[in-house]
PDB file of all heavy atoms in Angstrom:
ATOM      1  N   GLN A   1     -24.375   1.233  23.592  1.00  0.00           N
ATOM      2  CA  GLN A   1     -23.355   0.466  22.879  1.00  0.00           C
ATOM      3  C   GLN A   1     -22.445   1.382  22.061  1.00  0.00           C
ATOM      4  O   GLN A   1     -21.229   1.187  22.019  1.00  0.00           O
ATOM      5  CB  GLN A   1     -24.024  -0.565  21.971  1.00  0.00           C
ATOM      6  CG  GLN A   1     -24.750  -1.669  22.731  1.00  0.00           C
ATOM      7  CD  GLN A   1     -25.497  -2.603  21.810  1.00  0.00           C
ATOM      8  OE1 GLN A   1     -25.613  -2.317  20.628  1.00  0.00           O
ATOM      9  NE2 GLN A   1     -26.033  -3.709  22.372  1.00  0.00           N
ATOM     10  N   LEU A   2     -23.035   2.380  21.435  1.00  0.00           N
ATOM     11  CA  LEU A   2     -22.224   3.324  20.651  1.00  0.00           C
ATOM     12  C   LEU A   2     -21.274   4.119  21.530  1.00  0.00           C
ATOM     13  O   LEU A   2     -20.123   4.366  21.171  1.00  0.00           O
ATOM     14  CB  LEU A   2     -23.137   4.251  19.859  1.00  0.00           C
ATOM     15  CG  LEU A   2     -23.972   3.584  18.754  1.00  0.00           C
ATOM     16  CD1 LEU A   2     -24.936   4.600  18.154  1.00  0.00           C
ATOM     17  CD2 LEU A   2     -23.073   3.026  17.678  1.00  0.00           C
ATOM     18  N   LEU A   3     -21.771   4.551  22.703  1.00  0.00           N
ATOM     19  CA  LEU A   3     -20.915   5.306  23.614  1.00  0.00           C
ATOM     20  C   LEU A   3     -19.772   4.431  24.121  1.00  0.00           C
ATOM     21  O   LEU A   3     -18.643   4.893  24.293  1.00  0.00           O
ATOM     22  CB  LEU A   3     -21.751   5.850  24.770  1.00  0.00           C
ATOM     23  CG  LEU A   3     -22.764   6.941  24.384  1.00  0.00           C
ATOM     24  CD1 LEU A   3     -23.628   7.307  25.599  1.00  0.00           C
ATOM     25  CD2 LEU A   3     -22.052   8.175  23.849  1.00  0.00           C
ATOM     26  N   ALA A   4     -20.044   3.166  24.361  1.00  0.00           N
ATOM     27  CA  ALA A   4     -18.989   2.258  24.799  1.00  0.00           C
ATOM     28  C   ALA A   4     -17.926   2.096  23.723  1.00  0.00           C
ATOM     29  O   ALA A   4     -16.732   2.051  24.009  1.00  0.00           O
ATOM     30  CB  ALA A   4     -19.594   0.915  25.170  1.00  0.00           C
ATOM     31  N   ILE A   5     -18.374   2.004  22.491  1.00  0.00           N
ATOM     32  CA  ILE A   5     -17.405   1.920  21.383  1.00  0.00           C
ATOM     33  C   ILE A   5     -16.561   3.168  21.310  1.00  0.00           C
ATOM     34  O   ILE A   5     -15.342   3.123  21.078  1.00  0.00           O
ATOM     35  CB  ILE A   5     -18.146   1.675  20.052  1.00  0.00           C
ATOM     36  CG1 ILE A   5     -18.817   0.287  20.064  1.00  0.00           C
ATOM     37  CG2 ILE A   5     -17.212   1.791  18.862  1.00  0.00           C
ATOM     38  CD1 ILE A   5     -19.712   0.047  18.871  1.00  0.00           C
ATOM     39  N   GLU A   6     -17.189   4.306  21.541  1.00  0.00           N
ATOM     40  CA  GLU A   6     -16.467   5.572  21.509  1.00  0.00           C
ATOM     41  C   GLU A   6     -15.404   5.628  22.598  1.00  0.00           C
ATOM     42  O   GLU A   6     -14.280   6.081  22.375  1.00  0.00           O
ATOM     43  CB  GLU A   6     -17.454   6.735  21.673  1.00  0.00           C
ATOM     44  CG  GLU A   6     -16.797   8.115  21.782  1.00  0.00           C
ATOM     45  CD  GLU A   6     -15.984   8.483  20.551  1.00  0.00           C
ATOM     46  OE1 GLU A   6     -16.257   7.907  19.477  1.00  0.00           O
ATOM     47  OE2 GLU A   6     -15.071   9.311  20.642  1.00  0.00           O
ATOM     48  N   LYS A   7     -15.730   5.140  23.796  1.00  0.00           N
ATOM     49  CA  LYS A   7     -14.755   5.124  24.879  1.00  0.00           C
ATOM     50  C   LYS A   7     -13.575   4.220  24.543  1.00  0.00           C
ATOM     51  O   LYS A   7     -12.429   4.528  24.840  1.00  0.00           O
ATOM     52  CB  LYS A   7     -15.424   4.673  26.167  1.00  0.00           C
ATOM     53  CG  LYS A   7     -16.405   5.705  26.725  1.00  0.00           C
ATOM     54  CD  LYS A   7     -17.054   5.171  28.001  1.00  0.00           C
ATOM     55  CE  LYS A   7     -18.051   6.192  28.571  1.00  0.00           C
ATOM     56  NZ  LYS A   7     -18.711   5.708  29.815  1.00  0.00           N
ATOM     57  N   LEU A   8     -13.875   3.069  23.918  1.00  0.00           N
ATOM     58  CA  LEU A   8     -12.783   2.158  23.521  1.00  0.00           C
ATOM     59  C   LEU A   8     -11.871   2.803  22.497  1.00  0.00           C
ATOM     60  O   LEU A   8     -10.661   2.592  22.498  1.00  0.00           O
ATOM     61  CB  LEU A   8     -13.359   0.851  22.976  1.00  0.00           C
ATOM     62  CG  LEU A   8     -14.047  -0.047  24.012  1.00  0.00           C
ATOM     63  CD1 LEU A   8     -14.699  -1.249  23.305  1.00  0.00           C
ATOM     64  CD2 LEU A   8     -13.064  -0.533  25.062  1.00  0.00           C
ATOM     65  N   ASN A   9     -12.440   3.554  21.581  1.00  0.00           N
ATOM     66  CA  ASN A   9     -11.630   4.229  20.553  1.00  0.00           C
ATOM     67  C   ASN A   9     -10.781   5.337  21.167  1.00  0.00           C
ATOM     68  O   ASN A   9      -9.713   5.670  20.654  1.00  0.00           O
ATOM     69  CB  ASN A   9     -12.511   4.801  19.466  1.00  0.00           C
ATOM     70  CG  ASN A   9     -13.152   3.710  18.628  1.00  0.00           C
ATOM     71  OD1 ASN A   9     -12.613   2.611  18.516  1.00  0.00           O
ATOM     72  ND2 ASN A   9     -14.322   3.999  18.052  1.00  0.00           N
ATOM     73  N   ARG A  10     -11.219   5.955  22.301  1.00  0.00           N
ATOM     74  CA  ARG A  10     -10.477   7.066  22.888  1.00  0.00           C
ATOM     75  C   ARG A  10      -9.383   6.597  23.832  1.00  0.00           C
ATOM     76  O   ARG A  10      -8.507   7.366  24.187  1.00  0.00           O
ATOM     77  CB  ARG A  10     -11.451   7.973  23.647  1.00  0.00           C
ATOM     78  CG  ARG A  10     -12.423   8.698  22.722  1.00  0.00           C
ATOM     79  CD  ARG A  10     -13.353   9.594  23.510  1.00  0.00           C
ATOM     80  NE  ARG A  10     -12.556  10.662  24.178  1.00  0.00           N
ATOM     81  CZ  ARG A  10     -13.081  11.565  25.020  1.00  0.00           C
ATOM     82  NH1 ARG A  10     -14.362  11.512  25.326  1.00  0.00           N
ATOM     83  NH2 ARG A  10     -12.314  12.493  25.589  1.00  0.00           N
ATOM     84  N   VAL A  11      -9.395   5.339  24.253  1.00  0.00           N
ATOM     85  CA  VAL A  11      -8.378   4.848  25.189  1.00  0.00           C
ATOM     86  C   VAL A  11      -6.983   4.946  24.607  1.00  0.00           C
ATOM     87  O   VAL A  11      -6.048   5.412  25.270  1.00  0.00           O
ATOM     88  CB  VAL A  11      -8.715   3.409  25.627  1.00  0.00           C
ATOM     89  CG1 VAL A  11      -7.527   2.790  26.373  1.00  0.00           C
ATOM     90  CG2 VAL A  11      -9.931   3.427  26.530  1.00  0.00           C
ATOM     91  N   PRO A  12      -6.732   4.527  23.332  1.00  0.00           N
ATOM     92  CA  PRO A  12      -5.368   4.662  22.779  1.00  0.00           C
ATOM     93  C   PRO A  12      -4.898   6.094  22.724  1.00  0.00           C
ATOM     94  O   PRO A  12      -3.710   6.370  22.927  1.00  0.00           O
ATOM     95  CB  PRO A  12      -5.484   4.044  21.388  1.00  0.00           C
ATOM     96  CG  PRO A  12      -6.628   3.112  21.502  1.00  0.00           C
ATOM     97  CD  PRO A  12      -7.593   3.764  22.424  1.00  0.00           C
ATOM     98  N   GLU A  13      -5.821   7.030  22.477  1.00  0.00           N
ATOM     99  CA  GLU A  13      -5.412   8.436  22.399  1.00  0.00           C
ATOM    100  C   GLU A  13      -4.945   8.926  23.764  1.00  0.00           C
ATOM    101  O   GLU A  13      -3.930   9.621  23.907  1.00  0.00           O
ATOM    102  CB  GLU A  13      -6.570   9.284  21.899  1.00  0.00           C
ATOM    103  CG  GLU A  13      -7.004   8.924  20.467  1.00  0.00           C
ATOM    104  CD  GLU A  13      -8.204   9.752  20.028  1.00  0.00           C
ATOM    105  OE1 GLU A  13      -8.658  10.581  20.840  1.00  0.00           O
ATOM    106  OE2 GLU A  13      -8.672   9.546  18.872  1.00  0.00           O
ATOM    107  N   ILE A  14      -5.699   8.539  24.827  1.00  0.00           N
ATOM    108  CA  ILE A  14      -5.337   8.972  26.189  1.00  0.00           C
ATOM    109  C   ILE A  14      -4.006   8.350  26.584  1.00  0.00           C
ATOM    110  O   ILE A  14      -3.136   8.990  27.177  1.00  0.00           O
ATOM    111  CB  ILE A  14      -6.443   8.594  27.183  1.00  0.00           C
ATOM    112  CG1 ILE A  14      -7.721   9.336  26.822  1.00  0.00           C
ATOM    113  CG2 ILE A  14      -6.035   8.899  28.612  1.00  0.00           C
ATOM    114  CD1 ILE A  14      -8.922   8.888  27.611  1.00  0.00           C
ATOM    115  N   ALA A  15      -3.836   7.080  26.232  1.00  0.00           N
ATOM    116  CA  ALA A  15      -2.593   6.398  26.580  1.00  0.00           C
ATOM    117  C   ALA A  15      -1.395   7.055  25.919  1.00  0.00           C
ATOM    118  O   ALA A  15      -0.323   7.190  26.507  1.00  0.00           O
ATOM    119  CB  ALA A  15      -2.667   4.925  26.204  1.00  0.00           C
ATOM    120  N   SER A  16      -1.572   7.501  24.697  1.00  0.00           N
ATOM    121  CA  SER A  16      -0.469   8.146  23.993  1.00  0.00           C
ATOM    122  C   SER A  16      -0.128   9.483  24.593  1.00  0.00           C
ATOM    123  O   SER A  16       1.018   9.937  24.574  1.00  0.00           O
ATOM    124  CB  SER A  16      -0.814   8.297  22.518  1.00  0.00           C
ATOM    125  OG  SER A  16      -1.938   9.138  22.381  1.00  0.00           O
ATOM    126  N   ILE A  17      -1.128  10.146  25.185  1.00  0.00           N
ATOM    127  CA  ILE A  17      -0.864  11.453  25.806  1.00  0.00           C
ATOM    128  C   ILE A  17      -0.159  11.265  27.135  1.00  0.00           C
ATOM    129  O   ILE A  17       0.804  11.955  27.468  1.00  0.00           O
ATOM    130  CB  ILE A  17      -2.187  12.233  25.986  1.00  0.00           C
ATOM    131  CG1 ILE A  17      -2.750  12.549  24.613  1.00  0.00           C
ATOM    132  CG2 ILE A  17      -1.972  13.496  26.788  1.00  0.00           C
ATOM    133  CD1 ILE A  17      -4.150  13.141  24.676  1.00  0.00           C
ATOM    134  N   VAL A  18      -0.606  10.254  27.917  1.00  0.00           N
ATOM    135  CA  VAL A  18      -0.024  10.035  29.250  1.00  0.00           C
ATOM    136  C   VAL A  18       1.385   9.492  29.145  1.00  0.00           C
ATOM    137  O   VAL A  18       2.291   9.894  29.868  1.00  0.00           O
ATOM    138  CB  VAL A  18      -0.932   9.088  30.058  1.00  0.00           C
ATOM    139  CG1 VAL A  18      -0.274   8.727  31.393  1.00  0.00           C
ATOM    140  CG2 VAL A  18      -2.262   9.740  30.298  1.00  0.00           C
ATOM    141  N   THR A  19       1.621   8.579  28.267  1.00  0.00           N
ATOM    142  CA  THR A  19       2.940   7.947  28.137  1.00  0.00           C
ATOM    143  C   THR A  19       3.839   8.848  27.316  1.00  0.00           C
ATOM    144  O   THR A  19       3.537   9.157  26.161  1.00  0.00           O
ATOM    145  CB  THR A  19       2.818   6.596  27.455  1.00  0.00           C
ATOM    146  OG1 THR A  19       1.900   5.806  28.201  1.00  0.00           O
ATOM    147  CG2 THR A  19       4.184   5.894  27.389  1.00  0.00           C
ATOM    148  N   PRO A  20       4.968   9.327  27.896  1.00  0.00           N
ATOM    149  CA  PRO A  20       5.858  10.192  27.105  1.00  0.00           C
ATOM    150  C   PRO A  20       6.623   9.416  26.058  1.00  0.00           C
ATOM    151  O   PRO A  20       6.773   8.214  26.156  1.00  0.00           O
ATOM    152  CB  PRO A  20       6.804  10.747  28.201  1.00  0.00           C
ATOM    153  CG  PRO A  20       6.810   9.696  29.262  1.00  0.00           C
ATOM    154  CD  PRO A  20       5.430   9.110  29.269  1.00  0.00           C
ATOM    155  N   ASP A  21       7.126  10.102  25.077  1.00  0.00           N
ATOM    156  CA  ASP A  21       7.889   9.504  23.998  1.00  0.00           C
ATOM    157  C   ASP A  21       9.276   9.176  24.475  1.00  0.00           C
ATOM    158  O   ASP A  21       9.955  10.039  25.049  1.00  0.00           O
ATOM    159  CB  ASP A  21       7.940  10.488  22.830  1.00  0.00           C
ATOM    160  CG  ASP A  21       8.528   9.837  21.593  1.00  0.00           C
ATOM    161  OD1 ASP A  21       8.891   8.636  21.655  1.00  0.00           O
ATOM    162  OD2 ASP A  21       8.598  10.510  20.531  1.00  0.00           O
ATOM    163  N   PRO A  22       9.732   7.961  24.320  1.00  0.00           N
ATOM    164  CA  PRO A  22      11.106   7.604  24.791  1.00  0.00           C
ATOM    165  C   PRO A  22      12.177   8.467  24.145  1.00  0.00           C
ATOM    166  O   PRO A  22      13.160   8.816  24.806  1.00  0.00           O
ATOM    167  CB  PRO A  22      11.250   6.137  24.364  1.00  0.00           C
ATOM    168  CG  PRO A  22       9.850   5.635  24.251  1.00  0.00           C
ATOM    169  CD  PRO A  22       9.032   6.781  23.822  1.00  0.00           C
ATOM    170  N   LYS A  23      12.026   8.795  22.906  1.00  0.00           N
ATOM    171  CA  LYS A  23      13.031   9.621  22.233  1.00  0.00           C
ATOM    172  C   LYS A  23      13.101  10.999  22.874  1.00  0.00           C
ATOM    173  O   LYS A  23      14.178  11.574  23.045  1.00  0.00           O
ATOM    174  CB  LYS A  23      12.696   9.741  20.758  1.00  0.00           C
ATOM    175  CG  LYS A  23      12.828   8.404  20.026  1.00  0.00           C
ATOM    176  CD  LYS A  23      12.525   8.610  18.556  1.00  0.00           C
ATOM    177  CE  LYS A  23      12.658   7.283  17.786  1.00  0.00           C
ATOM    178  NZ  LYS A  23      12.364   7.438  16.356  1.00  0.00           N
ATOM    179  N   ALA A  24      11.906  11.521  23.216  1.00  0.00           N
ATOM    180  CA  ALA A  24      11.900  12.848  23.858  1.00  0.00           C
ATOM    181  C   ALA A  24      12.581  12.806  25.185  1.00  0.00           C
ATOM    182  O   ALA A  24      13.329  13.724  25.590  1.00  0.00           O
ATOM    183  CB  ALA A  24      10.452  13.351  23.993  1.00  0.00           C
ATOM    184  N   ARG A  25      12.382  11.697  26.012  1.00  0.00           N
ATOM    185  CA  ARG A  25      13.019  11.573  27.337  1.00  0.00           C
ATOM    186  C   ARG A  25      14.527  11.488  27.195  1.00  0.00           C
ATOM    187  O   ARG A  25      15.260  12.087  27.976  1.00  0.00           O
ATOM    188  CB  ARG A  25      12.463  10.328  28.049  1.00  0.00           C
ATOM    189  CG  ARG A  25      13.005  10.261  29.477  1.00  0.00           C
ATOM    190  CD  ARG A  25      12.253   9.227  30.327  1.00  0.00           C
ATOM    191  NE  ARG A  25      12.260   7.923  29.713  1.00  0.00           N
ATOM    192  CZ  ARG A  25      11.151   7.346  29.280  1.00  0.00           C
ATOM    193  NH1 ARG A  25       9.981   7.932  29.395  1.00  0.00           N
ATOM    194  NH2 ARG A  25      11.227   6.139  28.734  1.00  0.00           N
ATOM    195  N   ASN A  26      14.986  10.797  26.186  1.00  0.00           N
ATOM    196  CA  ASN A  26      16.447  10.720  26.005  1.00  0.00           C
ATOM    197  C   ASN A  26      17.019  12.059  25.624  1.00  0.00           C
ATOM    198  O   ASN A  26      18.130  12.405  25.992  1.00  0.00           O
ATOM    199  CB  ASN A  26      16.751   9.679  24.918  1.00  0.00           C
ATOM    200  CG  ASN A  26      16.395   8.275  25.413  1.00  0.00           C
ATOM    201  OD1 ASN A  26      16.380   8.017  26.599  1.00  0.00           O
ATOM    202  ND2 ASN A  26      16.133   7.384  24.443  1.00  0.00           N
TER     203      ASN A  26
END
């Protein structure tokens, strides 16, 4: 259960790395 919570907490971090910043693209 703790490891599952840890994975849920890391999903936003991964998403922020994969998705580029719109300001940077412009």
